[in-house]
């Protein structure tokens, strides 16, 4: 790839990361009832209620991976899924509407942050249950294989998920049936409020994947150009019929477990060091090293901020779901009739 192509690719990846960061920063303020012009109700309370899990600091992973995905490829996410959703091409405004609980949201305001889904772009859903996206992804990939479709499925999960049964079951099934699935471990070093290193025996996701015969590759998850390059290789292998692969991305969650968690249980020096390795900062530095101008990236940041501000204003003005909407998208517990 020549210099101009490298700069163009990095700009596109940076744009994805910048939009995710702008969304997460705004959502954090909104959930806290903060100072944003669109963040409070008339009585000063937060406009986004319920758990809000931010992916701030992990933007390079979904940006680098999803840049290689096509419209008919599928994706499963986690409870920390805003970045995955945006990177797969979902509408930012509708996602903000969902967080606000408005009828304009993807799920009519009834799903909220942890249950965002947009089937129109192949995003099969976030999930409030740790590791629950793994068997869903494997089922989707198996369906793709049975139907003879050329598409693949990507499954994002955190390092905490590898200690749960669905991780082993899903990787085993994917390997036995040679399914077209890319497992992406976002290793952010923390399982909720507990440091993962104290909870994971052995050498982690890569070693466990290799033990099942699934090739695993590790990457610096804070360097988006590295994630992009390696993910491209693995996805090409899967599309060529090579079976499942695992990408182990080492990153860091800069915020607490939820948006109102100050994460005082973490060593301040650890957080400070992680902030220096912020993927957006690293991308800016790399862009300059390639000969690019920071003004290019600042323009991207400004555009992302403007887009998010518009989305917040639209969500603020959008209508609430009607009472009748409570009886849609559900299954009767009596005769099994779908409504």
Protein backbone atom coordinates (compact mmCIF):
# COMPACT_ATOMS: atom_id res chain seq x y z
CA UNK A 1 0.00 0.00 0.00
CA UNK A 2 1.47 3.37 -1.00
CA UNK A 3 1.55 6.45 1.21
CA UNK A 4 -1.63 8.03 -0.16
CA UNK A 5 -3.57 4.79 0.20
CA UNK A 6 -2.28 4.34 3.75
CA UNK A 7 -3.33 7.86 4.68
CA UNK A 8 -6.77 7.41 3.14
CA UNK A 9 -7.31 4.10 4.93
CA UNK A 10 -6.20 5.58 8.24
CA UNK A 11 -8.53 8.56 7.77
CA UNK A 12 -11.48 6.24 7.23
CA UNK A 13 -10.57 4.17 10.27
CA UNK A 14 -10.10 7.32 12.33
CA UNK A 15 -13.52 8.59 11.25
CA UNK A 16 -15.11 5.41 12.60
CA UNK A 17 -13.24 5.70 15.90
CA UNK A 18 -14.01 9.41 16.22
CA UNK A 19 -17.75 8.81 15.75
CA UNK A 20 -17.69 6.05 18.38
CA UNK A 21 -15.78 8.25 20.85
CA UNK A 22 -18.08 11.23 20.28
CA UNK A 23 -21.13 9.03 20.79
CA UNK A 24 -19.75 7.44 23.95
CA UNK A 25 -18.69 10.76 25.46
CA UNK A 26 -22.12 12.25 24.84
CA UNK A 27 -23.94 9.16 26.10
CA UNK A 28 -21.86 9.24 29.27
CA UNK A 29 -22.86 12.83 30.01
CA UNK A 30 -26.50 12.13 29.20
CA UNK A 31 -26.63 9.12 31.52
CA UNK A 32 -25.16 11.15 34.37
CA UNK A 33 -27.56 14.09 33.94
CA UNK A 34 -24.56 16.23 33.01
CA UNK A 35 -24.02 19.61 31.45
CA UNK A 36 -24.72 18.89 27.76
CA UNK A 37 -27.37 21.13 26.23
CA UNK A 38 -29.48 18.05 25.51
CA UNK A 39 -28.66 15.94 28.54
CA UNK A 40 -31.27 16.82 31.16
CA UNK A 41 -34.99 16.68 31.57
CA UNK A 42 -36.77 19.72 32.92
CA UNK A 43 -36.16 18.57 36.49
CA UNK A 44 -32.43 18.01 35.89
CA UNK A 45 -32.50 14.22 35.83
CA UNK A 46 -30.61 12.06 33.34
CA UNK A 47 -32.29 11.35 30.02
CA UNK A 48 -30.74 7.91 29.64
CA UNK A 49 -31.63 5.53 32.44
CA UNK A 50 -30.47 2.04 33.20
CA UNK A 51 -26.98 0.55 32.82
CA UNK A 52 -24.80 2.17 30.17
CA UNK A 53 -21.56 0.29 29.41
CA UNK A 54 -19.06 2.44 27.51
CA UNK A 55 -16.39 1.16 25.13
CA UNK A 56 -14.24 4.28 25.46
CA UNK A 57 -10.63 3.29 24.71
CA UNK A 58 -11.56 0.19 22.70
CA UNK A 59 -12.55 1.96 19.46
CA UNK A 60 -9.70 0.57 17.34
CA UNK A 61 -11.00 -3.00 17.57
CA UNK A 62 -14.46 -2.61 16.00
CA UNK A 63 -13.17 0.02 13.56
CA UNK A 64 -10.33 -2.20 12.30
CA UNK A 65 -12.42 -5.36 12.08
CA UNK A 66 -15.69 -4.02 10.68
CA UNK A 67 -13.94 -2.10 7.89
CA UNK A 68 -13.64 -5.49 6.14
CA UNK A 69 -17.27 -6.54 6.56
CA UNK A 70 -19.91 -6.51 3.84
CA UNK A 71 -23.58 -5.66 4.16
CA UNK A 72 -24.65 -9.31 4.40
CA UNK A 73 -22.02 -10.27 6.98
CA UNK A 74 -23.39 -10.71 10.50
CA UNK A 75 -22.18 -9.55 13.89
CA UNK A 76 -22.92 -10.29 17.52
CA UNK A 77 -21.99 -7.93 20.31
CA UNK A 78 -21.77 -7.62 24.08
CA UNK A 79 -23.30 -5.41 26.77
CA UNK A 80 -20.60 -2.91 25.68
CA UNK A 81 -21.82 -2.72 22.11
CA UNK A 82 -22.21 0.88 20.92
CA UNK A 83 -18.91 0.80 19.03
CA UNK A 84 -19.68 -2.48 17.28
CA UNK A 85 -23.08 -1.19 16.21
CA UNK A 86 -21.73 2.03 14.71
CA UNK A 87 -18.79 0.29 13.05
CA UNK A 88 -21.16 -2.15 11.32
CA UNK A 89 -22.98 0.78 9.73
CA UNK A 90 -25.98 1.35 11.97
CA UNK A 91 -27.54 4.81 12.05
CA UNK A 92 -26.12 6.94 14.85
CA UNK A 93 -29.31 8.96 15.28
CA UNK A 94 -31.51 5.91 15.73
CA UNK A 95 -29.06 4.49 18.26
CA UNK A 96 -29.21 7.69 20.30
CA UNK A 97 -32.99 7.50 20.12
CA UNK A 98 -32.85 3.98 21.54
CA UNK A 99 -30.72 5.12 24.48
CA UNK A 100 -33.25 7.87 25.16
CA UNK A 101 -36.02 5.25 25.16
CA UNK A 102 -37.79 6.98 22.28
CA UNK A 103 -39.95 5.48 19.55
CA UNK A 104 -37.36 6.60 16.98
CA UNK A 105 -34.83 4.06 18.31
CA UNK A 106 -33.85 0.81 16.62
CA UNK A 107 -36.05 -1.18 18.95
CA UNK A 108 -38.71 1.44 19.49
CA UNK A 109 -37.06 2.58 22.70
CA UNK A 110 -37.75 -0.75 24.40
CA UNK A 111 -34.29 -2.30 24.17
CA UNK A 112 -32.00 0.41 25.45
CA UNK A 113 -28.22 0.25 25.48
CA UNK A 114 -27.73 -3.44 26.28
CA UNK A 115 -30.18 -4.75 23.69
CA UNK A 116 -29.49 -2.62 20.65
CA UNK A 117 -29.89 -4.52 17.40
CA UNK A 118 -30.16 -3.54 13.75
CA UNK A 119 -30.80 -6.53 11.52
CA UNK A 120 -30.80 -4.26 8.45
CA UNK A 121 -27.01 -3.97 8.72
CA UNK A 122 -26.44 -7.49 10.09
CA UNK A 123 -26.02 -6.41 13.70
CA UNK A 124 -27.80 -9.24 15.55
CA UNK A 125 -27.74 -7.53 18.89
CA UNK A 126 -25.97 -6.50 22.03
CA UNK A 127 -26.49 -8.82 24.99
CA UNK A 128 -26.68 -8.27 28.71
CA UNK A 129 -25.45 -11.81 29.46
CA UNK A 130 -21.67 -12.26 29.37
CA UNK A 131 -20.65 -14.76 26.64
CA UNK A 132 -24.23 -15.10 25.34
CA UNK A 133 -23.28 -13.66 21.96
CA UNK A 134 -20.91 -16.56 21.26
CA UNK A 135 -23.49 -19.32 20.65
CA UNK A 136 -25.70 -16.85 18.75
CA UNK A 137 -22.79 -16.09 16.42
CA UNK A 138 -22.03 -19.77 15.94
CA UNK A 139 -25.67 -20.46 15.14
CA UNK A 140 -25.68 -17.62 12.61
CA UNK A 141 -22.47 -18.88 11.00
CA UNK A 142 -23.82 -22.42 10.83
CA UNK A 143 -26.93 -21.12 9.07
CA UNK A 144 -24.73 -19.26 6.59
CA UNK A 145 -22.83 -22.46 5.83
CA UNK A 146 -25.96 -24.59 5.46
CA UNK A 147 -27.50 -22.03 3.13
CA UNK A 148 -24.32 -21.81 1.06
CA UNK A 149 -24.00 -18.10 1.63
CA UNK A 150 -20.61 -16.43 1.06
CA UNK A 151 -21.05 -14.20 4.12
CA UNK A 152 -19.31 -14.58 7.48
CA UNK A 153 -20.16 -13.83 11.11
CA UNK A 154 -18.02 -11.84 13.54
CA UNK A 155 -18.42 -12.38 17.27
CA UNK A 156 -17.11 -9.75 19.72
CA UNK A 157 -16.66 -10.70 23.37
CA UNK A 158 -14.58 -9.62 26.33
CA UNK A 159 -11.82 -11.41 28.18
CA UNK A 160 -14.22 -12.12 31.05
CA UNK A 161 -16.34 -14.25 28.69
CA UNK A 162 -13.63 -16.86 28.19
CA UNK A 163 -14.23 -18.19 31.71
CA UNK A 164 -17.83 -19.05 30.90
CA UNK A 165 -19.09 -22.28 29.36
CA UNK A 166 -20.46 -20.77 26.11
CA UNK A 167 -16.92 -19.82 25.08
CA UNK A 168 -15.71 -23.44 25.05
CA UNK A 169 -18.94 -24.79 23.60
CA UNK A 170 -19.06 -22.22 20.81
CA UNK A 171 -15.44 -22.54 19.72
CA UNK A 172 -15.71 -26.32 19.81
CA UNK A 173 -18.83 -26.30 17.61
CA UNK A 174 -17.28 -23.79 15.20
CA UNK A 175 -14.15 -25.92 14.83
CA UNK A 176 -15.99 -29.23 14.43
CA UNK A 177 -18.19 -27.80 11.67
CA UNK A 178 -15.55 -25.47 10.16
CA UNK A 179 -17.85 -22.48 10.38
CA UNK A 180 -17.20 -19.07 8.78
CA UNK A 181 -16.83 -17.13 12.00
CA UNK A 182 -14.23 -14.72 13.36
CA UNK A 183 -14.07 -14.65 17.15
CA UNK A 184 -12.78 -11.30 18.41
CA UNK A 185 -11.67 -11.13 22.03
CA UNK A 186 -11.57 -7.52 23.21
CA UNK A 187 -9.14 -8.10 26.06
CA UNK A 188 -9.57 -4.88 28.06
CA UNK A 189 -7.97 -6.36 31.21
CA UNK A 190 -11.07 -5.95 33.38
CA UNK A 191 -14.00 -8.25 34.08
CA UNK A 192 -16.57 -5.79 35.41
CA UNK A 193 -14.81 -4.50 38.54
CA UNK A 194 -12.20 -7.26 38.86
CA UNK A 195 -8.81 -7.36 37.18
CA UNK A 196 -8.97 -10.24 34.69
CA UNK A 197 -5.45 -11.49 35.34
CA UNK A 198 -6.57 -12.77 38.74
CA UNK A 199 -9.47 -14.65 37.20
CA UNK A 200 -8.01 -16.34 34.10
CA UNK A 201 -5.89 -19.46 34.42
CA UNK A 202 -3.26 -20.19 31.80
CA UNK A 203 -2.41 -17.87 28.94
CA UNK A 204 -5.86 -16.63 28.09
CA UNK A 205 -8.03 -16.51 24.99
CA UNK A 206 -5.35 -17.28 22.41
CA UNK A 207 -4.09 -20.39 24.19
CA UNK A 208 -7.59 -21.74 24.77
CA UNK A 209 -8.50 -21.17 21.13
CA UNK A 210 -5.35 -22.92 19.90
CA UNK A 211 -6.08 -25.90 22.16
CA UNK A 212 -9.28 -26.44 20.17
CA UNK A 213 -7.48 -26.23 16.85
CA UNK A 214 -8.61 -22.69 16.02
CA UNK A 215 -5.71 -20.51 14.90
CA UNK A 216 -5.39 -17.45 17.14
CA UNK A 217 -3.58 -14.21 16.38
CA UNK A 218 -2.75 -11.51 18.90
CA UNK A 219 -2.67 -7.80 18.06
CA UNK A 220 -2.18 -4.45 19.77
CA UNK A 221 -5.82 -3.45 20.03
CA UNK A 222 -4.95 0.22 20.47
CA UNK A 223 -3.31 0.52 17.04
CA UNK A 224 -6.15 0.60 14.54
CA UNK A 225 -3.91 0.13 11.49
CA UNK A 226 -2.52 -3.07 13.00
CA UNK A 227 -6.00 -4.37 13.86
CA UNK A 228 -7.15 -3.53 10.34
CA UNK A 229 -4.26 -5.34 8.69
CA UNK A 230 -4.49 -8.52 10.75
CA UNK A 231 -8.29 -8.66 10.69
CA UNK A 232 -8.14 -8.36 6.91
CA UNK A 233 -5.88 -11.39 6.68
CA UNK A 234 -8.03 -13.51 8.99
CA UNK A 235 -11.30 -12.55 7.32
CA UNK A 236 -9.82 -13.38 3.90
CA UNK A 237 -8.84 -16.83 5.21
CA UNK A 238 -12.36 -17.41 6.55
CA UNK A 239 -13.99 -16.30 3.29
CA UNK A 240 -11.72 -18.71 1.43
CA UNK A 241 -13.13 -21.61 3.44
CA UNK A 242 -10.43 -21.79 6.08
CA UNK A 243 -12.84 -22.22 8.97
CA UNK A 244 -12.97 -20.22 12.19
CA UNK A 245 -10.26 -17.89 13.43
CA UNK A 246 -9.70 -15.94 16.65
CA UNK A 247 -8.35 -12.40 16.91
CA UNK A 248 -7.05 -11.57 20.39
CA UNK A 249 -6.92 -7.77 20.68
CA UNK A 250 -5.16 -6.36 23.73
CA UNK A 251 -6.78 -3.04 24.64
CA UNK A 252 -7.99 -1.15 27.71
CA UNK A 253 -11.33 0.12 28.99
CA UNK A 254 -10.69 3.75 29.94
CA UNK A 255 -13.98 4.18 31.81
CA UNK A 256 -15.60 2.29 34.67
CA UNK A 257 -17.78 -0.76 34.24
CA UNK A 258 -20.82 1.47 33.75
CA UNK A 259 -21.05 5.19 33.01
CA UNK A 260 -21.65 6.16 36.63
CA UNK A 261 -18.80 3.99 37.96
CA UNK A 262 -15.74 6.10 38.91
CA UNK A 263 -13.62 2.91 38.91
CA UNK A 264 -11.82 3.88 42.11
CA UNK A 265 -10.74 0.24 42.44
CA UNK A 266 -8.16 0.75 39.68
CA UNK A 267 -4.58 1.91 40.18
CA UNK A 268 -4.46 5.57 39.02
CA UNK A 269 -1.05 4.98 37.44
CA UNK A 270 -2.45 2.11 35.40
CA UNK A 271 -5.22 4.35 34.08
CA UNK A 272 -2.79 7.18 33.36
CA UNK A 273 -0.57 4.85 31.35
CA UNK A 274 -3.58 3.56 29.44
CA UNK A 275 -4.66 7.10 28.61
CA UNK A 276 -1.29 7.67 26.97
CA UNK A 277 -2.03 4.67 24.74
CA UNK A 278 -5.46 5.97 23.73
CA UNK A 279 -6.17 4.57 20.24
CA UNK A 280 -7.24 7.95 18.88
CA UNK A 281 -4.01 9.56 20.10
CA UNK A 282 -1.96 6.73 18.63
CA UNK A 283 -3.79 7.05 15.30
CA UNK A 284 -3.10 10.80 15.19
CA UNK A 285 0.59 10.19 15.83
CA UNK A 286 0.75 7.49 13.16
CA UNK A 287 -1.07 9.74 10.69
CA UNK A 288 1.55 12.44 11.20
CA UNK A 289 4.35 9.91 10.80
CA UNK A 290 2.87 8.97 7.43
CA UNK A 291 2.97 12.63 6.41
CA UNK A 292 -0.64 13.53 7.09
CA UNK A 293 -1.87 16.79 8.59
CA UNK A 294 -3.59 16.81 11.96
CA UNK A 295 -6.04 19.34 10.53
CA UNK A 296 -7.50 16.47 8.47
CA UNK A 297 -8.32 14.53 11.62
CA UNK A 298 -9.54 17.59 13.51
CA UNK A 299 -12.09 18.14 10.77
CA UNK A 300 -13.25 14.55 11.27
CA UNK A 301 -13.57 15.12 15.02
CA UNK A 302 -15.58 18.30 14.47
CA UNK A 303 -17.93 16.53 12.06
CA UNK A 304 -18.44 13.66 14.53
CA UNK A 305 -19.24 16.10 17.34
CA UNK A 306 -21.76 17.87 15.14
CA UNK A 307 -23.40 14.62 14.10
CA UNK A 308 -23.78 13.53 17.72
CA UNK A 309 -25.20 16.90 18.77
CA UNK A 310 -27.83 16.61 16.03
CA UNK A 311 -28.65 13.07 17.12
CA UNK A 312 -29.15 14.19 20.71
CA UNK A 313 -31.42 17.03 19.65
CA UNK A 314 -33.46 14.67 17.47
CA UNK A 315 -33.71 12.10 20.28
CA UNK A 316 -34.81 14.80 22.67
CA UNK A 317 -37.61 15.84 20.32
CA UNK A 318 -38.70 12.34 19.33
CA UNK A 319 -41.95 10.88 20.71
CA UNK A 320 -42.14 8.28 23.45
CA UNK A 321 -43.37 4.80 22.55
CA UNK A 322 -47.13 4.43 22.77
CA UNK A 323 -48.69 2.28 25.45
CA UNK A 324 -49.78 -0.15 22.76
CA UNK A 325 -46.12 -0.74 21.82
CA UNK A 326 -45.68 -2.63 25.08
CA UNK A 327 -47.70 -5.47 23.52
CA UNK A 328 -45.62 -5.81 20.35
CA UNK A 329 -42.40 -7.76 19.78
CA UNK A 330 -43.37 -10.23 22.49
CA UNK A 331 -44.67 -13.77 22.69
CA UNK A 332 -47.73 -14.73 24.64
CA UNK A 333 -46.97 -16.95 27.63
CA UNK A 334 -50.28 -18.71 27.04
CA UNK A 335 -51.04 -20.07 23.59
CA UNK A 336 -47.68 -19.12 22.00
CA UNK A 337 -49.26 -16.61 19.63
CA UNK A 338 -46.76 -14.09 18.30
CA UNK A 339 -47.96 -10.50 18.28
